[in-house]
């Protein structure tokens, strides 16, 4: 499995730096990944939803560290490129991203 496309949607927020959408093998899309600046550094949070008890559960996530590291590397590289270009990427899914924040 390969990450074949990454789209970054920058945010102007202290903790939430961007949303990401990844495509796997040119045939499966995962939206709602978040690039977050945490207390111990930056990390990629997988898409999640709030459960009735107020906790969050990942909707999609890698099963092993190798896959997680590959996804993080691709997302962080695309994020750095988006920052370097100075371009604010937006699309029609911005409203859905705002709802997830």
PDB file of N, CA and C in Angstrom:
ATOM      1  N   UNK A   1       0.838  -1.174   0.000  1.00  0.00           N
ATOM      2  CA  UNK A   1       0.000   0.000   0.000  1.00  0.00           C
ATOM      3  C   UNK A   1       0.886   1.243   0.000  1.00  0.00           C
ATOM      4  N   UNK A   2       0.515   2.220  -0.809  1.00  0.00           N
ATOM      5  CA  UNK A   2       1.270   3.467  -0.893  1.00  0.00           C
ATOM      6  C   UNK A   2       0.331   4.662  -0.755  1.00  0.00           C
ATOM      7  N   UNK A   3       0.823   5.724  -0.136  1.00  0.00           N
ATOM      8  CA  UNK A   3       0.101   6.992  -0.138  1.00  0.00           C
ATOM      9  C   UNK A   3       0.420   7.634  -1.476  1.00  0.00           C
ATOM     10  N   UNK A   4      -0.586   7.797  -2.322  1.00  0.00           N
ATOM     11  CA  UNK A   4      -0.359   8.294  -3.673  1.00  0.00           C
ATOM     12  C   UNK A   4      -0.710   9.764  -3.835  1.00  0.00           C
ATOM     13  N   UNK A   5      -1.382  10.361  -2.833  1.00  0.00           N
ATOM     14  CA  UNK A   5      -1.693  11.785  -2.896  1.00  0.00           C
ATOM     15  C   UNK A   5      -1.949  12.288  -1.487  1.00  0.00           C
ATOM     16  N   UNK A   6      -1.505  13.517  -1.230  1.00  0.00           N
ATOM     17  CA  UNK A   6      -1.764  14.173   0.050  1.00  0.00           C
ATOM     18  C   UNK A   6      -2.186  15.605  -0.240  1.00  0.00           C
ATOM     19  N   UNK A   7      -3.294  16.005   0.334  1.00  0.00           N
ATOM     20  CA  UNK A   7      -3.745  17.402   0.242  1.00  0.00           C
ATOM     21  C   UNK A   7      -3.735  17.976   1.648  1.00  0.00           C
ATOM     22  N   UNK A   8      -3.228  19.196   1.755  1.00  0.00           N
ATOM     23  CA  UNK A   8      -3.103  19.867   3.044  1.00  0.00           C
ATOM     24  C   UNK A   8      -4.004  21.098   3.046  1.00  0.00           C
ATOM     25  N   UNK A   9      -4.729  21.281   4.139  1.00  0.00           N
ATOM     26  CA  UNK A   9      -5.621  22.435   4.319  1.00  0.00           C
ATOM     27  C   UNK A   9      -5.158  23.163   5.577  1.00  0.00           C
ATOM     28  N   UNK A  10      -4.340  24.210   5.366  1.00  0.00           N
ATOM     29  CA  UNK A  10      -3.725  24.934   6.474  1.00  0.00           C
ATOM     30  C   UNK A  10      -4.769  25.640   7.326  1.00  0.00           C
ATOM     31  N   UNK A  11      -4.461  25.758   8.608  1.00  0.00           N
ATOM     32  CA  UNK A  11      -5.302  26.474   9.556  1.00  0.00           C
ATOM     33  C   UNK A  11      -4.445  27.475  10.321  1.00  0.00           C
ATOM     34  N   UNK A  12      -5.047  28.557  10.724  1.00  0.00           N
ATOM     35  CA  UNK A  12      -4.362  29.545  11.560  1.00  0.00           C
ATOM     36  C   UNK A  12      -4.823  29.338  12.986  1.00  0.00           C
ATOM     37  N   UNK A  13      -4.220  28.361  13.647  1.00  0.00           N
ATOM     38  CA  UNK A  13      -4.620  27.982  14.989  1.00  0.00           C
ATOM     39  C   UNK A  13      -3.356  27.576  15.738  1.00  0.00           C
ATOM     40  N   UNK A  14      -3.309  27.858  17.047  1.00  0.00           N
ATOM     41  CA  UNK A  14      -2.117  27.522  17.820  1.00  0.00           C
ATOM     42  C   UNK A  14      -1.820  26.024  17.834  1.00  0.00           C
ATOM     43  N   UNK A  15      -2.851  25.207  17.993  1.00  0.00           N
ATOM     44  CA  UNK A  15      -2.633  23.765  18.090  1.00  0.00           C
ATOM     45  C   UNK A  15      -2.944  23.027  16.799  1.00  0.00           C
ATOM     46  N   UNK A  16      -4.080  23.306  16.187  1.00  0.00           N
ATOM     47  CA  UNK A  16      -4.456  22.654  14.938  1.00  0.00           C
ATOM     48  C   UNK A  16      -3.791  23.387  13.781  1.00  0.00           C
ATOM     49  N   UNK A  17      -2.773  22.770  13.202  1.00  0.00           N
ATOM     50  CA  UNK A  17      -1.996  23.415  12.146  1.00  0.00           C
ATOM     51  C   UNK A  17      -2.593  23.198  10.758  1.00  0.00           C
ATOM     52  N   UNK A  18      -3.225  22.027  10.553  1.00  0.00           N
ATOM     53  CA  UNK A  18      -3.783  21.734   9.231  1.00  0.00           C
ATOM     54  C   UNK A  18      -4.637  20.478   9.296  1.00  0.00           C
ATOM     55  N   UNK A  19      -5.519  20.365   8.315  1.00  0.00           N
ATOM     56  CA  UNK A  19      -6.208  19.113   8.030  1.00  0.00           C
ATOM     57  C   UNK A  19      -5.483  18.488   6.847  1.00  0.00           C
ATOM     58  N   UNK A  20      -5.582  17.181   6.727  1.00  0.00           N
ATOM     59  CA  UNK A  20      -4.984  16.488   5.586  1.00  0.00           C
ATOM     60  C   UNK A  20      -5.974  15.463   5.050  1.00  0.00           C
ATOM     61  N   UNK A  21      -5.891  15.264   3.749  1.00  0.00           N
ATOM     62  CA  UNK A  21      -6.619  14.209   3.061  1.00  0.00           C
ATOM     63  C   UNK A  21      -5.587  13.383   2.331  1.00  0.00           C
ATOM     64  N   UNK A  22      -5.628  12.070   2.522  1.00  0.00           N
ATOM     65  CA  UNK A  22      -4.677  11.205   1.833  1.00  0.00           C
ATOM     66  C   UNK A  22      -5.426  10.243   0.914  1.00  0.00           C
ATOM     67  N   UNK A  23      -4.744   9.860  -0.164  1.00  0.00           N
ATOM     68  CA  UNK A  23      -5.262   8.856  -1.078  1.00  0.00           C
ATOM     69  C   UNK A  23      -4.312   7.669  -1.047  1.00  0.00           C
ATOM     70  N   UNK A  24      -4.870   6.479  -0.918  1.00  0.00           N
ATOM     71  CA  UNK A  24      -4.082   5.251  -0.887  1.00  0.00           C
ATOM     72  C   UNK A  24      -4.238   4.517  -2.208  1.00  0.00           C
ATOM     73  N   UNK A  25      -3.104   4.182  -2.818  1.00  0.00           N
ATOM     74  CA  UNK A  25      -3.078   3.401  -4.068  1.00  0.00           C
ATOM     75  C   UNK A  25      -4.002   3.960  -5.145  1.00  0.00           C
ATOM     76  N   UNK A  26      -4.144   5.270  -5.197  1.00  0.00           N
ATOM     77  CA  UNK A  26      -4.996   5.935  -6.196  1.00  0.00           C
ATOM     78  C   UNK A  26      -6.438   5.430  -6.189  1.00  0.00           C
ATOM     79  N   UNK A  27      -6.882   4.832  -5.063  1.00  0.00           N
ATOM     80  CA  UNK A  27      -8.247   4.287  -5.094  1.00  0.00           C
ATOM     81  C   UNK A  27      -9.016   4.387  -3.784  1.00  0.00           C
ATOM     82  N   UNK A  28      -8.405   4.897  -2.697  1.00  0.00           N
ATOM     83  CA  UNK A  28      -9.110   4.989  -1.427  1.00  0.00           C
ATOM     84  C   UNK A  28      -8.707   6.276  -0.737  1.00  0.00           C
ATOM     85  N   UNK A  29      -9.694   7.111  -0.371  1.00  0.00           N
ATOM     86  CA  UNK A  29      -9.423   8.421   0.229  1.00  0.00           C
ATOM     87  C   UNK A  29      -9.779   8.395   1.709  1.00  0.00           C
ATOM     88  N   UNK A  30      -8.907   9.005   2.516  1.00  0.00           N
ATOM     89  CA  UNK A  30      -9.175   9.188   3.938  1.00  0.00           C
ATOM     90  C   UNK A  30      -9.070  10.676   4.228  1.00  0.00           C
ATOM     91  N   UNK A  31     -10.180  11.270   4.676  1.00  0.00           N
ATOM     92  CA  UNK A  31     -10.232  12.692   5.019  1.00  0.00           C
ATOM     93  C   UNK A  31     -10.228  12.849   6.533  1.00  0.00           C
ATOM     94  N   UNK A  32      -9.861  14.037   6.970  1.00  0.00           N
ATOM     95  CA  UNK A  32      -9.993  14.363   8.386  1.00  0.00           C
ATOM     96  C   UNK A  32      -8.782  14.075   9.241  1.00  0.00           C
ATOM     97  N   UNK A  33      -7.617  13.780   8.632  1.00  0.00           N
ATOM     98  CA  UNK A  33      -6.407  13.691   9.426  1.00  0.00           C
ATOM     99  C   UNK A  33      -6.083  15.106   9.888  1.00  0.00           C
ATOM    100  N   UNK A  34      -5.493  15.233  11.067  1.00  0.00           N
ATOM    101  CA  UNK A  34      -5.150  16.551  11.601  1.00  0.00           C
ATOM    102  C   UNK A  34      -3.665  16.604  11.934  1.00  0.00           C
ATOM    103  N   UNK A  35      -3.050  17.729  11.624  1.00  0.00           N
ATOM    104  CA  UNK A  35      -1.683  17.979  12.062  1.00  0.00           C
ATOM    105  C   UNK A  35      -1.816  18.880  13.285  1.00  0.00           C
ATOM    106  N   UNK A  36      -1.363  18.366  14.416  1.00  0.00           N
ATOM    107  CA  UNK A  36      -1.542  19.055  15.686  1.00  0.00           C
ATOM    108  C   UNK A  36      -0.187  19.331  16.319  1.00  0.00           C
ATOM    109  N   UNK A  37      -0.040  20.528  16.867  1.00  0.00           N
ATOM    110  CA  UNK A  37       1.154  20.892  17.627  1.00  0.00           C
ATOM    111  C   UNK A  37       0.847  20.605  19.088  1.00  0.00           C
ATOM    112  N   UNK A  38       1.389  19.501  19.602  1.00  0.00           N
ATOM    113  CA  UNK A  38       1.145  19.100  20.985  1.00  0.00           C
ATOM    114  C   UNK A  38       2.262  19.571  21.902  1.00  0.00           C
ATOM    115  N   UNK A  39       2.132  19.242  23.159  1.00  0.00           N
ATOM    116  CA  UNK A  39       3.141  19.619  24.159  1.00  0.00           C
ATOM    117  C   UNK A  39       4.496  18.977  23.882  1.00  0.00           C
ATOM    118  N   UNK A  40       4.479  17.812  23.232  1.00  0.00           N
ATOM    119  CA  UNK A  40       5.730  17.097  22.949  1.00  0.00           C
ATOM    120  C   UNK A  40       6.109  17.176  21.481  1.00  0.00           C
ATOM    121  N   UNK A  41       5.519  18.109  20.744  1.00  0.00           N
ATOM    122  CA  UNK A  41       5.844  18.259  19.333  1.00  0.00           C
ATOM    123  C   UNK A  41       4.650  17.995  18.435  1.00  0.00           C
ATOM    124  N   UNK A  42       4.915  18.056  17.166  1.00  0.00           N
ATOM    125  CA  UNK A  42       3.873  17.910  16.149  1.00  0.00           C
ATOM    126  C   UNK A  42       3.557  16.435  15.914  1.00  0.00           C
ATOM    127  N   UNK A  43       2.261  16.140  15.677  1.00  0.00           N
ATOM    128  CA  UNK A  43       1.868  14.772  15.354  1.00  0.00           C
ATOM    129  C   UNK A  43       0.666  14.782  14.422  1.00  0.00           C
ATOM    130  N   UNK A  44       0.424  13.633  13.796  1.00  0.00           N
ATOM    131  CA  UNK A  44      -0.723  13.455  12.916  1.00  0.00           C
ATOM    132  C   UNK A  44      -1.771  12.665  13.686  1.00  0.00           C
ATOM    133  N   UNK A  45      -2.949  13.259  13.850  1.00  0.00           N
ATOM    134  CA  UNK A  45      -4.075  12.576  14.494  1.00  0.00           C
ATOM    135  C   UNK A  45      -4.964  11.997  13.403  1.00  0.00           C
ATOM    136  N   UNK A  46      -5.353  10.768  13.581  1.00  0.00           N
ATOM    137  CA  UNK A  46      -6.214  10.101  12.614  1.00  0.00           C
ATOM    138  C   UNK A  46      -7.650  10.619  12.752  1.00  0.00           C
ATOM    139  N   UNK A  47      -8.457  10.436  11.706  1.00  0.00           N
ATOM    140  CA  UNK A  47      -9.852  10.882  11.782  1.00  0.00           C
ATOM    141  C   UNK A  47     -10.572  10.173  12.931  1.00  0.00           C
ATOM    142  N   UNK A  48     -11.373  10.921  13.658  1.00  0.00           N
ATOM    143  CA  UNK A  48     -12.071  10.338  14.799  1.00  0.00           C
ATOM    144  C   UNK A  48     -13.452  10.952  14.942  1.00  0.00           C
ATOM    145  N   UNK A  49     -14.252  10.312  15.778  1.00  0.00           N
ATOM    146  CA  UNK A  49     -15.574  10.852  16.072  1.00  0.00           C
ATOM    147  C   UNK A  49     -15.800  10.773  17.574  1.00  0.00           C
ATOM    148  N   UNK A  50     -16.618  11.708  18.063  1.00  0.00           N
ATOM    149  CA  UNK A  50     -16.918  11.734  19.493  1.00  0.00           C
ATOM    150  C   UNK A  50     -18.004  10.707  19.800  1.00  0.00           C
ATOM    151  N   UNK A  51     -17.754   9.903  20.808  1.00  0.00           N
ATOM    152  CA  UNK A  51     -18.733   8.911  21.236  1.00  0.00           C
ATOM    153  C   UNK A  51     -19.701   9.558  22.233  1.00  0.00           C
ATOM    154  N   UNK A  52     -20.781   8.881  22.548  1.00  0.00           N
ATOM    155  CA  UNK A  52     -21.797   9.424  23.463  1.00  0.00           C
ATOM    156  C   UNK A  52     -21.236   9.782  24.829  1.00  0.00           C
ATOM    157  N   UNK A  53     -20.188   9.065  25.259  1.00  0.00           N
ATOM    158  CA  UNK A  53     -19.604   9.346  26.575  1.00  0.00           C
ATOM    159  C   UNK A  53     -18.591  10.488  26.543  1.00  0.00           C
ATOM    160  N   UNK A  54     -18.426  11.140  25.370  1.00  0.00           N
ATOM    161  CA  UNK A  54     -17.534  12.285  25.258  1.00  0.00           C
ATOM    162  C   UNK A  54     -16.116  11.948  24.844  1.00  0.00           C
ATOM    163  N   UNK A  55     -15.764  10.677  24.823  1.00  0.00           N
ATOM    164  CA  UNK A  55     -14.430  10.284  24.384  1.00  0.00           C
ATOM    165  C   UNK A  55     -14.411  10.188  22.859  1.00  0.00           C
ATOM    166  N   UNK A  56     -13.213  10.093  22.313  1.00  0.00           N
ATOM    167  CA  UNK A  56     -13.064  10.007  20.860  1.00  0.00           C
ATOM    168  C   UNK A  56     -12.606   8.619  20.464  1.00  0.00           C
ATOM    169  N   UNK A  57     -13.061   8.173  19.294  1.00  0.00           N
ATOM    170  CA  UNK A  57     -12.651   6.894  18.742  1.00  0.00           C
ATOM    171  C   UNK A  57     -12.193   7.111  17.309  1.00  0.00           C
ATOM    172  N   UNK A  58     -11.007   6.581  16.974  1.00  0.00           N
ATOM    173  CA  UNK A  58     -10.516   6.690  15.602  1.00  0.00           C
ATOM    174  C   UNK A  58     -11.481   5.993  14.651  1.00  0.00           C
ATOM    175  N   UNK A  59     -11.721   6.628  13.526  1.00  0.00           N
ATOM    176  CA  UNK A  59     -12.555   6.042  12.475  1.00  0.00           C
ATOM    177  C   UNK A  59     -11.687   5.156  11.584  1.00  0.00           C
ATOM    178  N   UNK A  60     -10.496   5.631  11.307  1.00  0.00           N
ATOM    179  CA  UNK A  60      -9.531   4.889  10.491  1.00  0.00           C
ATOM    180  C   UNK A  60      -8.155   5.121  11.088  1.00  0.00           C
ATOM    181  N   UNK A  61      -7.343   4.087  11.103  1.00  0.00           N
ATOM    182  CA  UNK A  61      -5.988   4.245  11.645  1.00  0.00           C
ATOM    183  C   UNK A  61      -5.108   3.101  11.177  1.00  0.00           C
ATOM    184  N   UNK A  62      -3.792   3.331  11.112  1.00  0.00           N
ATOM    185  CA  UNK A  62      -2.862   2.266  10.737  1.00  0.00           C
ATOM    186  C   UNK A  62      -2.825   1.198  11.827  1.00  0.00           C
ATOM    187  N   UNK A  63      -2.590  -0.027  11.417  1.00  0.00           N
ATOM    188  CA  UNK A  63      -2.539  -1.136  12.365  1.00  0.00           C
ATOM    189  C   UNK A  63      -1.122  -1.352  12.897  1.00  0.00           C
ATOM    190  N   UNK A  64      -0.107  -0.892  12.157  1.00  0.00           N
ATOM    191  CA  UNK A  64       1.265  -1.106  12.620  1.00  0.00           C
ATOM    192  C   UNK A  64       2.073   0.188  12.519  1.00  0.00           C
ATOM    193  N   UNK A  65       3.193   0.205  13.233  1.00  0.00           N
ATOM    194  CA  UNK A  65       4.041   1.397  13.292  1.00  0.00           C
ATOM    195  C   UNK A  65       4.635   1.757  11.937  1.00  0.00           C
ATOM    196  N   UNK A  66       4.989   0.768  11.141  1.00  0.00           N
ATOM    197  CA  UNK A  66       5.580   1.031   9.829  1.00  0.00           C
ATOM    198  C   UNK A  66       4.622   1.848   8.954  1.00  0.00           C
ATOM    199  N   UNK A  67       3.374   1.457   8.942  1.00  0.00           N
ATOM    200  CA  UNK A  67       2.382   2.180   8.136  1.00  0.00           C
ATOM    201  C   UNK A  67       2.131   3.568   8.714  1.00  0.00           C
ATOM    202  N   UNK A  68       2.044   3.675  10.038  1.00  0.00           N
ATOM    203  CA  UNK A  68       1.842   4.984  10.671  1.00  0.00           C
ATOM    204  C   UNK A  68       2.992   5.928  10.316  1.00  0.00           C
ATOM    205  N   UNK A  69       4.214   5.428  10.389  1.00  0.00           N
ATOM    206  CA  UNK A  69       5.381   6.262  10.085  1.00  0.00           C
ATOM    207  C   UNK A  69       5.376   6.698   8.627  1.00  0.00           C
ATOM    208  N   UNK A  70       4.984   5.811   7.719  1.00  0.00           N
ATOM    209  CA  UNK A  70       4.931   6.147   6.298  1.00  0.00           C
ATOM    210  C   UNK A  70       3.896   7.243   6.052  1.00  0.00           C
ATOM    211  N   UNK A  71       2.720   7.117   6.660  1.00  0.00           N
ATOM    212  CA  UNK A  71       1.673   8.135   6.503  1.00  0.00           C
ATOM    213  C   UNK A  71       2.139   9.462   7.092  1.00  0.00           C
ATOM    214  N   UNK A  72       2.687   9.430   8.305  1.00  0.00           N
ATOM    215  CA  UNK A  72       3.160  10.665   8.941  1.00  0.00           C
ATOM    216  C   UNK A  72       4.216  11.358   8.098  1.00  0.00           C
ATOM    217  N   UNK A  73       5.163  10.602   7.571  1.00  0.00           N
ATOM    218  CA  UNK A  73       6.222  11.199   6.746  1.00  0.00           C
ATOM    219  C   UNK A  73       5.636  11.906   5.522  1.00  0.00           C
ATOM    220  N   UNK A  74       4.714  11.240   4.842  1.00  0.00           N
ATOM    221  CA  UNK A  74       4.098  11.839   3.647  1.00  0.00           C
ATOM    222  C   UNK A  74       3.294  13.084   4.014  1.00  0.00           C
ATOM    223  N   UNK A  75       2.536  13.029   5.099  1.00  0.00           N
ATOM    224  CA  UNK A  75       1.712  14.169   5.525  1.00  0.00           C
ATOM    225  C   UNK A  75       2.605  15.332   5.968  1.00  0.00           C
ATOM    226  N   UNK A  76       3.633  15.053   6.767  1.00  0.00           N
ATOM    227  CA  UNK A  76       4.535  16.125   7.209  1.00  0.00           C
ATOM    228  C   UNK A  76       5.281  16.759   6.036  1.00  0.00           C
ATOM    229  N   UNK A  77       5.715  15.961   5.070  1.00  0.00           N
ATOM    230  CA  UNK A  77       6.390  16.518   3.890  1.00  0.00           C
ATOM    231  C   UNK A  77       5.457  17.441   3.112  1.00  0.00           C
ATOM    232  N   UNK A  78       4.214  17.013   2.914  1.00  0.00           N
ATOM    233  CA  UNK A  78       3.241  17.852   2.195  1.00  0.00           C
ATOM    234  C   UNK A  78       2.934  19.115   2.992  1.00  0.00           C
ATOM    235  N   UNK A  79       2.878  18.997   4.304  1.00  0.00           N
ATOM    236  CA  UNK A  79       2.631  20.156   5.169  1.00  0.00           C
ATOM    237  C   UNK A  79       3.767  21.175   5.039  1.00  0.00           C
ATOM    238  N   UNK A  80       5.002  20.702   5.094  1.00  0.00           N
ATOM    239  CA  UNK A  80       6.155  21.598   4.962  1.00  0.00           C
ATOM    240  C   UNK A  80       6.147  22.290   3.595  1.00  0.00           C
ATOM    241  N   UNK A  81       5.784  21.560   2.540  1.00  0.00           N
ATOM    242  CA  UNK A  81       5.689  22.156   1.204  1.00  0.00           C
ATOM    243  C   UNK A  81       4.600  23.221   1.155  1.00  0.00           C
ATOM    244  N   UNK A  82       3.466  22.958   1.795  1.00  0.00           N
ATOM    245  CA  UNK A  82       2.372  23.936   1.821  1.00  0.00           C
ATOM    246  C   UNK A  82       2.798  25.193   2.573  1.00  0.00           C
ATOM    247  N   UNK A  83       3.519  25.026   3.676  1.00  0.00           N
ATOM    248  CA  UNK A  83       4.014  26.182   4.427  1.00  0.00           C
ATOM    249  C   UNK A  83       5.017  26.984   3.599  1.00  0.00           C
ATOM    250  N   UNK A  84       5.922  26.285   2.920  1.00  0.00           N
ATOM    251  CA  UNK A  84       6.957  26.943   2.125  1.00  0.00           C
ATOM    252  C   UNK A  84       6.364  27.720   0.958  1.00  0.00           C
ATOM    253  N   UNK A  85       5.289  27.190   0.379  1.00  0.00           N
ATOM    254  CA  UNK A  85       4.672  27.870  -0.759  1.00  0.00           C
ATOM    255  C   UNK A  85       3.866  29.086  -0.315  1.00  0.00           C
ATOM    256  N   UNK A  86       3.511  29.113   0.980  1.00  0.00           N
ATOM    257  CA  UNK A  86       2.735  30.239   1.493  1.00  0.00           C
ATOM    258  C   UNK A  86       1.305  30.265   0.981  1.00  0.00           C
ATOM    259  N   UNK A  87       0.886  29.181   0.377  1.00  0.00           N
ATOM    260  CA  UNK A  87      -0.438  29.112  -0.220  1.00  0.00           C
ATOM    261  C   UNK A  87      -1.435  28.527   0.762  1.00  0.00           C
ATOM    262  N   UNK A  88      -2.560  29.196   0.939  1.00  0.00           N
ATOM    263  CA  UNK A  88      -3.635  28.667   1.781  1.00  0.00           C
ATOM    264  C   UNK A  88      -4.527  27.795   0.913  1.00  0.00           C
ATOM    265  N   UNK A  89      -4.496  26.497   1.143  1.00  0.00           N
ATOM    266  CA  UNK A  89      -5.290  25.569   0.356  1.00  0.00           C
ATOM    267  C   UNK A  89      -6.678  25.452   0.972  1.00  0.00           C
ATOM    268  N   UNK A  90      -7.687  25.653   0.175  1.00  0.00           N
ATOM    269  CA  UNK A  90      -9.062  25.475   0.634  1.00  0.00           C
ATOM    270  C   UNK A  90      -9.834  24.756  -0.449  1.00  0.00           C
ATOM    271  N   UNK A  91     -10.913  24.120  -0.066  1.00  0.00           N
ATOM    272  CA  UNK A  91     -11.787  23.507  -1.048  1.00  0.00           C
ATOM    273  C   UNK A  91     -13.191  23.407  -0.490  1.00  0.00           C
ATOM    274  N   UNK A  92     -14.056  22.743  -1.202  1.00  0.00           N
ATOM    275  CA  UNK A  92     -15.452  22.665  -0.797  1.00  0.00           C
ATOM    276  C   UNK A  92     -15.653  21.870   0.480  1.00  0.00           C
ATOM    277  N   UNK A  93     -14.641  21.146   0.950  1.00  0.00           N
ATOM    278  CA  UNK A  93     -14.794  20.366   2.174  1.00  0.00           C
ATOM    279  C   UNK A  93     -14.412  21.168   3.420  1.00  0.00           C
ATOM    280  N   UNK A  94     -14.045  22.436   3.251  1.00  0.00           N
ATOM    281  CA  UNK A  94     -13.659  23.245   4.412  1.00  0.00           C
ATOM    282  C   UNK A  94     -14.744  23.287   5.477  1.00  0.00           C
ATOM    283  N   UNK A  95     -16.002  23.390   5.072  1.00  0.00           N
ATOM    284  CA  UNK A  95     -17.076  23.430   6.052  1.00  0.00           C
ATOM    285  C   UNK A  95     -17.108  22.149   6.864  1.00  0.00           C
ATOM    286  N   UNK A  96     -16.919  21.025   6.231  1.00  0.00           N
ATOM    287  CA  UNK A  96     -16.884  19.747   6.960  1.00  0.00           C
ATOM    288  C   UNK A  96     -15.689  19.713   7.898  1.00  0.00           C
ATOM    289  N   UNK A  97     -14.549  20.234   7.474  1.00  0.00           N
ATOM    290  CA  UNK A  97     -13.373  20.279   8.355  1.00  0.00           C
ATOM    291  C   UNK A  97     -13.648  21.151   9.557  1.00  0.00           C
ATOM    292  N   UNK A  98     -14.299  22.284   9.376  1.00  0.00           N
ATOM    293  CA  UNK A  98     -14.610  23.180  10.473  1.00  0.00           C
ATOM    294  C   UNK A  98     -15.485  22.470  11.493  1.00  0.00           C
ATOM    295  N   UNK A  99     -16.415  21.646  11.044  1.00  0.00           N
ATOM    296  CA  UNK A  99     -17.299  20.923  11.957  1.00  0.00           C
ATOM    297  C   UNK A  99     -16.521  19.932  12.786  1.00  0.00           C
ATOM    298  N   UNK A 100     -15.409  19.395  12.261  1.00  0.00           N
ATOM    299  CA  UNK A 100     -14.623  18.398  12.986  1.00  0.00           C
ATOM    300  C   UNK A 100     -13.742  19.026  14.043  1.00  0.00           C
ATOM    301  N   UNK A 101     -13.483  20.317  13.971  1.00  0.00           N
ATOM    302  CA  UNK A 101     -12.559  20.969  14.914  1.00  0.00           C
ATOM    303  C   UNK A 101     -13.104  20.986  16.311  1.00  0.00           C
TER     304      UNK A 101
END
